[in-house]
Amino acid sequence: MITDQFVKDEFVSEILRRDIGIIYKTQEEVANRYFKEHTGTLRDFLSRRAFSLQESNGKFTLYIGVLSYLRFLDMQYRINYAGLNSKRAKKQRAKYAVYNRVVWGVLYNETFPDIQAGFTNEVRAAWRKKMEDALSNHILPTDNQ
């Protein structure tokens, strides 16, 4: 039997898996386009897209391995180019964002809104079904609970 909790868990799991893929894909594109290859460790790590998603009682835990220097690449390229502090220089440096901008951008702009909108739509659909059942059976929704 498929329960509402199972449907919600699958929904959240699917969104998390999709968005982790987006994060890795974006990081890989930035690394391939803007960073020179020295040892290949960064590209190998990003191409593996390794993560672990665990669910327990409706709570999800996502484990992602992160290279220790990956977060510092953003900071390295925040230094001004030859002392330039113009909008153009800032825009150029923004292209090198490989961690914070990507991770938080996906979480705040895609993951959280999709989960909230999905749960809202699920609640609406469940309430509508409950009301339709009540009307077809001439029973108030609070009577059968």
C-alpha atoms as a PDB file:
ATOM      1  CA  MET A   1       0.000   0.000   0.000  1.00  0.00           C
ATOM      2  CA  ILE A   2       1.297   3.420  -0.943  1.00  0.00           C
ATOM      3  CA  THR A   3       1.025   5.933   1.873  1.00  0.00           C
ATOM      4  CA  ASP A   4       1.153   9.710   1.722  1.00  0.00           C
ATOM      5  CA  GLN A   5       4.430   9.673   3.657  1.00  0.00           C
ATOM      6  CA  PHE A   6       5.967   7.317   1.101  1.00  0.00           C
ATOM      7  CA  VAL A   7       4.904   9.614  -1.741  1.00  0.00           C
ATOM      8  CA  LYS A   8       6.356  12.665   0.048  1.00  0.00           C
ATOM      9  CA  ASP A   9       9.620  10.844   0.800  1.00  0.00           C
ATOM     10  CA  GLU A  10       9.996   9.776  -2.822  1.00  0.00           C
ATOM     11  CA  PHE A  11       9.199  13.309  -3.981  1.00  0.00           C
ATOM     12  CA  VAL A  12      11.844  14.887  -1.729  1.00  0.00           C
ATOM     13  CA  SER A  13      14.390  12.200  -2.601  1.00  0.00           C
ATOM     14  CA  GLU A  14      13.864  12.765  -6.325  1.00  0.00           C
ATOM     15  CA  ILE A  15      14.283  16.534  -5.999  1.00  0.00           C
ATOM     16  CA  LEU A  16      17.450  16.182  -3.893  1.00  0.00           C
ATOM     17  CA  ARG A  17      19.003  13.730  -6.343  1.00  0.00           C
ATOM     18  CA  ARG A  18      18.137  15.964  -9.292  1.00  0.00           C
ATOM     19  CA  ASP A  19      19.576  19.084  -7.677  1.00  0.00           C
ATOM     20  CA  ILE A  20      22.780  17.386  -6.498  1.00  0.00           C
ATOM     21  CA  GLY A  21      23.258  16.420 -10.130  1.00  0.00           C
ATOM     22  CA  ILE A  22      22.760  20.066 -11.143  1.00  0.00           C
ATOM     23  CA  ILE A  23      25.335  21.208  -8.572  1.00  0.00           C
ATOM     24  CA  TYR A  24      27.942  18.715  -9.756  1.00  0.00           C
ATOM     25  CA  LYS A  25      27.227  19.464 -13.421  1.00  0.00           C
ATOM     26  CA  THR A  26      27.585  23.220 -12.903  1.00  0.00           C
ATOM     27  CA  GLN A  27      30.776  22.822 -10.887  1.00  0.00           C
ATOM     28  CA  GLU A  28      32.190  20.540 -13.554  1.00  0.00           C
ATOM     29  CA  GLU A  29      31.380  23.062 -16.294  1.00  0.00           C
ATOM     30  CA  VAL A  30      33.049  25.894 -14.352  1.00  0.00           C
ATOM     31  CA  ALA A  31      36.117  23.770 -13.638  1.00  0.00           C
ATOM     32  CA  ASN A  32      36.447  22.687 -17.266  1.00  0.00           C
ATOM     33  CA  ARG A  33      35.980  26.185 -18.639  1.00  0.00           C
ATOM     34  CA  TYR A  34      37.949  28.386 -16.242  1.00  0.00           C
ATOM     35  CA  PHE A  35      40.511  26.313 -14.351  1.00  0.00           C
ATOM     36  CA  LYS A  36      43.711  24.902 -15.775  1.00  0.00           C
ATOM     37  CA  GLU A  37      44.190  21.194 -15.264  1.00  0.00           C
ATOM     38  CA  HIS A  38      47.148  20.394 -13.046  1.00  0.00           C
ATOM     39  CA  THR A  39      46.620  16.952 -11.533  1.00  0.00           C
ATOM     40  CA  GLY A  40      43.082  16.202 -12.705  1.00  0.00           C
ATOM     41  CA  THR A  41      41.869  15.548  -9.154  1.00  0.00           C
ATOM     42  CA  LEU A  42      39.186  18.239  -9.286  1.00  0.00           C
ATOM     43  CA  ARG A  43      37.756  17.039 -12.594  1.00  0.00           C
ATOM     44  CA  ASP A  44      37.832  13.385 -11.505  1.00  0.00           C
ATOM     45  CA  PHE A  45      36.071  14.234  -8.255  1.00  0.00           C
ATOM     46  CA  LEU A  46      33.354  16.292  -9.942  1.00  0.00           C
ATOM     47  CA  SER A  47      32.774  13.721 -12.685  1.00  0.00           C
ATOM     48  CA  ARG A  48      32.150  10.941 -10.116  1.00  0.00           C
ATOM     49  CA  ARG A  49      29.231  12.857  -8.570  1.00  0.00           C
ATOM     50  CA  ALA A  50      29.419  10.743  -5.420  1.00  0.00           C
ATOM     51  CA  PHE A  51      26.890  11.363  -2.663  1.00  0.00           C
ATOM     52  CA  SER A  52      24.808   9.418  -0.174  1.00  0.00           C
ATOM     53  CA  LEU A  53      21.181  10.166   0.622  1.00  0.00           C
ATOM     54  CA  GLN A  54      19.680   8.607   3.739  1.00  0.00           C
ATOM     55  CA  GLU A  55      16.081   8.843   4.921  1.00  0.00           C
ATOM     56  CA  SER A  56      14.824   8.057   8.391  1.00  0.00           C
ATOM     57  CA  ASN A  57      11.296   8.813   9.580  1.00  0.00           C
ATOM     58  CA  GLY A  58      10.751  11.491   6.955  1.00  0.00           C
ATOM     59  CA  LYS A  59      14.061  13.235   7.676  1.00  0.00           C
ATOM     60  CA  PHE A  60      16.704  13.286   4.984  1.00  0.00           C
ATOM     61  CA  THR A  61      20.448  13.426   5.443  1.00  0.00           C
ATOM     62  CA  LEU A  62      22.646  14.114   2.457  1.00  0.00           C
ATOM     63  CA  TYR A  63      26.360  13.324   2.595  1.00  0.00           C
ATOM     64  CA  ILE A  64      28.609  14.859  -0.032  1.00  0.00           C
ATOM     65  CA  GLY A  65      32.361  14.576  -0.049  1.00  0.00           C
ATOM     66  CA  VAL A  66      34.064  17.876  -0.777  1.00  0.00           C
ATOM     67  CA  LEU A  67      37.671  18.371  -1.764  1.00  0.00           C
ATOM     68  CA  SER A  68      39.377  20.404   0.915  1.00  0.00           C
ATOM     69  CA  TYR A  69      40.545  23.079  -1.509  1.00  0.00           C
ATOM     70  CA  LEU A  70      37.294  23.346  -3.486  1.00  0.00           C
ATOM     71  CA  ARG A  71      35.840  25.974  -1.170  1.00  0.00           C
ATOM     72  CA  PHE A  72      39.027  28.015  -1.313  1.00  0.00           C
ATOM     73  CA  LEU A  73      38.978  28.289  -5.099  1.00  0.00           C
ATOM     74  CA  ASP A  74      36.170  30.843  -4.767  1.00  0.00           C
ATOM     75  CA  MET A  75      38.274  32.936  -2.408  1.00  0.00           C
ATOM     76  CA  GLN A  76      41.365  32.717  -4.566  1.00  0.00           C
ATOM     77  CA  TYR A  77      39.564  34.344  -7.467  1.00  0.00           C
ATOM     78  CA  ARG A  78      37.964  37.055  -5.331  1.00  0.00           C
ATOM     79  CA  ILE A  79      41.275  38.934  -5.388  1.00  0.00           C
ATOM     80  CA  ASN A  80      41.096  41.939  -7.696  1.00  0.00           C
ATOM     81  CA  TYR A  81      42.724  41.660 -11.091  1.00  0.00           C
ATOM     82  CA  ALA A  82      45.682  44.055 -11.031  1.00  0.00           C
ATOM     83  CA  GLY A  83      43.919  46.246  -8.500  1.00  0.00           C
ATOM     84  CA  LEU A  84      40.787  46.655 -10.603  1.00  0.00           C
ATOM     85  CA  ASN A  85      37.639  47.038  -8.580  1.00  0.00           C
ATOM     86  CA  SER A  86      35.206  47.807 -11.353  1.00  0.00           C
ATOM     87  CA  LYS A  87      31.888  46.160 -12.116  1.00  0.00           C
ATOM     88  CA  ARG A  88      33.487  44.519 -15.121  1.00  0.00           C
ATOM     89  CA  ALA A  89      36.240  42.979 -12.981  1.00  0.00           C
ATOM     90  CA  LYS A  90      33.703  41.734 -10.438  1.00  0.00           C
ATOM     91  CA  LYS A  91      31.628  40.195 -13.206  1.00  0.00           C
ATOM     92  CA  GLN A  92      34.722  38.458 -14.571  1.00  0.00           C
ATOM     93  CA  ARG A  93      35.630  37.074 -11.139  1.00  0.00           C
ATOM     94  CA  ALA A  94      32.062  35.829 -10.630  1.00  0.00           C
ATOM     95  CA  LYS A  95      32.566  33.317 -13.437  1.00  0.00           C
ATOM     96  CA  TYR A  96      35.068  31.465 -11.266  1.00  0.00           C
ATOM     97  CA  ALA A  97      32.566  30.752  -8.483  1.00  0.00           C
ATOM     98  CA  VAL A  98      32.600  26.997  -8.103  1.00  0.00           C
ATOM     99  CA  TYR A  99      31.303  26.353  -4.598  1.00  0.00           C
ATOM    100  CA  ASN A 100      29.230  28.841  -2.596  1.00  0.00           C
ATOM    101  CA  ARG A 101      27.426  30.484  -5.491  1.00  0.00           C
ATOM    102  CA  VAL A 102      26.633  27.138  -7.100  1.00  0.00           C
ATOM    103  CA  VAL A 103      25.601  25.212  -3.990  1.00  0.00           C
ATOM    104  CA  TRP A 104      23.518  27.913  -2.339  1.00  0.00           C
ATOM    105  CA  GLY A 105      22.154  29.125  -5.658  1.00  0.00           C
ATOM    106  CA  VAL A 106      20.724  25.705  -6.440  1.00  0.00           C
ATOM    107  CA  LEU A 107      19.454  25.148  -2.899  1.00  0.00           C
ATOM    108  CA  TYR A 108      17.687  28.496  -2.532  1.00  0.00           C
ATOM    109  CA  ASN A 109      16.509  28.953  -6.114  1.00  0.00           C
ATOM    110  CA  GLU A 110      15.560  25.395  -7.051  1.00  0.00           C
ATOM    111  CA  THR A 111      15.504  22.843  -4.236  1.00  0.00           C
ATOM    112  CA  PHE A 112      13.640  24.706  -1.490  1.00  0.00           C
ATOM    113  CA  PRO A 113      10.979  26.264  -3.776  1.00  0.00           C
ATOM    114  CA  ASP A 114      10.338  22.928  -5.522  1.00  0.00           C
ATOM    115  CA  ILE A 115       9.855  21.113  -2.228  1.00  0.00           C
ATOM    116  CA  GLN A 116       7.589  23.846  -0.852  1.00  0.00           C
ATOM    117  CA  ALA A 117       5.524  24.065  -4.041  1.00  0.00           C
ATOM    118  CA  GLY A 118       5.292  20.290  -4.262  1.00  0.00           C
ATOM    119  CA  PHE A 119       4.032  19.925  -0.724  1.00  0.00           C
ATOM    120  CA  THR A 120       1.569  22.750  -1.252  1.00  0.00           C
ATOM    121  CA  ASN A 121       0.211  21.073  -4.368  1.00  0.00           C
ATOM    122  CA  GLU A 122       0.078  17.713  -2.587  1.00  0.00           C
ATOM    123  CA  VAL A 123      -1.887  19.199   0.282  1.00  0.00           C
ATOM    124  CA  ARG A 124      -4.293  20.845  -2.128  1.00  0.00           C
ATOM    125  CA  ALA A 125      -4.785  17.613  -4.066  1.00  0.00           C
ATOM    126  CA  ALA A 126      -5.361  15.607  -0.871  1.00  0.00           C
ATOM    127  CA  TRP A 127      -7.841  18.171   0.460  1.00  0.00           C
ATOM    128  CA  ARG A 128      -9.696  18.248  -2.868  1.00  0.00           C
ATOM    129  CA  LYS A 129      -9.940  14.440  -2.935  1.00  0.00           C
ATOM    130  CA  LYS A 130     -11.185  14.400   0.632  1.00  0.00           C
ATOM    131  CA  MET A 131     -13.857  16.966  -0.209  1.00  0.00           C
ATOM    132  CA  GLU A 132     -14.928  15.126  -3.369  1.00  0.00           C
ATOM    133  CA  ASP A 133     -15.239  11.899  -1.390  1.00  0.00           C
ATOM    134  CA  ALA A 134     -17.293  13.703   1.232  1.00  0.00           C
ATOM    135  CA  LEU A 135     -19.632  15.164  -1.374  1.00  0.00           C
ATOM    136  CA  SER A 136     -20.076  11.879  -3.215  1.00  0.00           C
ATOM    137  CA  ASN A 137     -20.764   9.962   0.029  1.00  0.00           C
ATOM    138  CA  HIS A 138     -22.720  12.794   1.713  1.00  0.00           C
ATOM    139  CA  ILE A 139     -20.313  12.697   4.667  1.00  0.00           C
ATOM    140  CA  LEU A 140     -18.516  15.659   6.194  1.00  0.00           C
ATOM    141  CA  PRO A 141     -14.711  15.291   6.104  1.00  0.00           C
ATOM    142  CA  THR A 142     -14.526  15.600   9.892  1.00  0.00           C
ATOM    143  CA  ASP A 143     -17.037  12.770  10.455  1.00  0.00           C
ATOM    144  CA  ASN A 144     -14.800   9.974   9.198  1.00  0.00           C
ATOM    145  CA  GLN A 145     -11.634  10.984  11.042  1.00  0.00           C
END
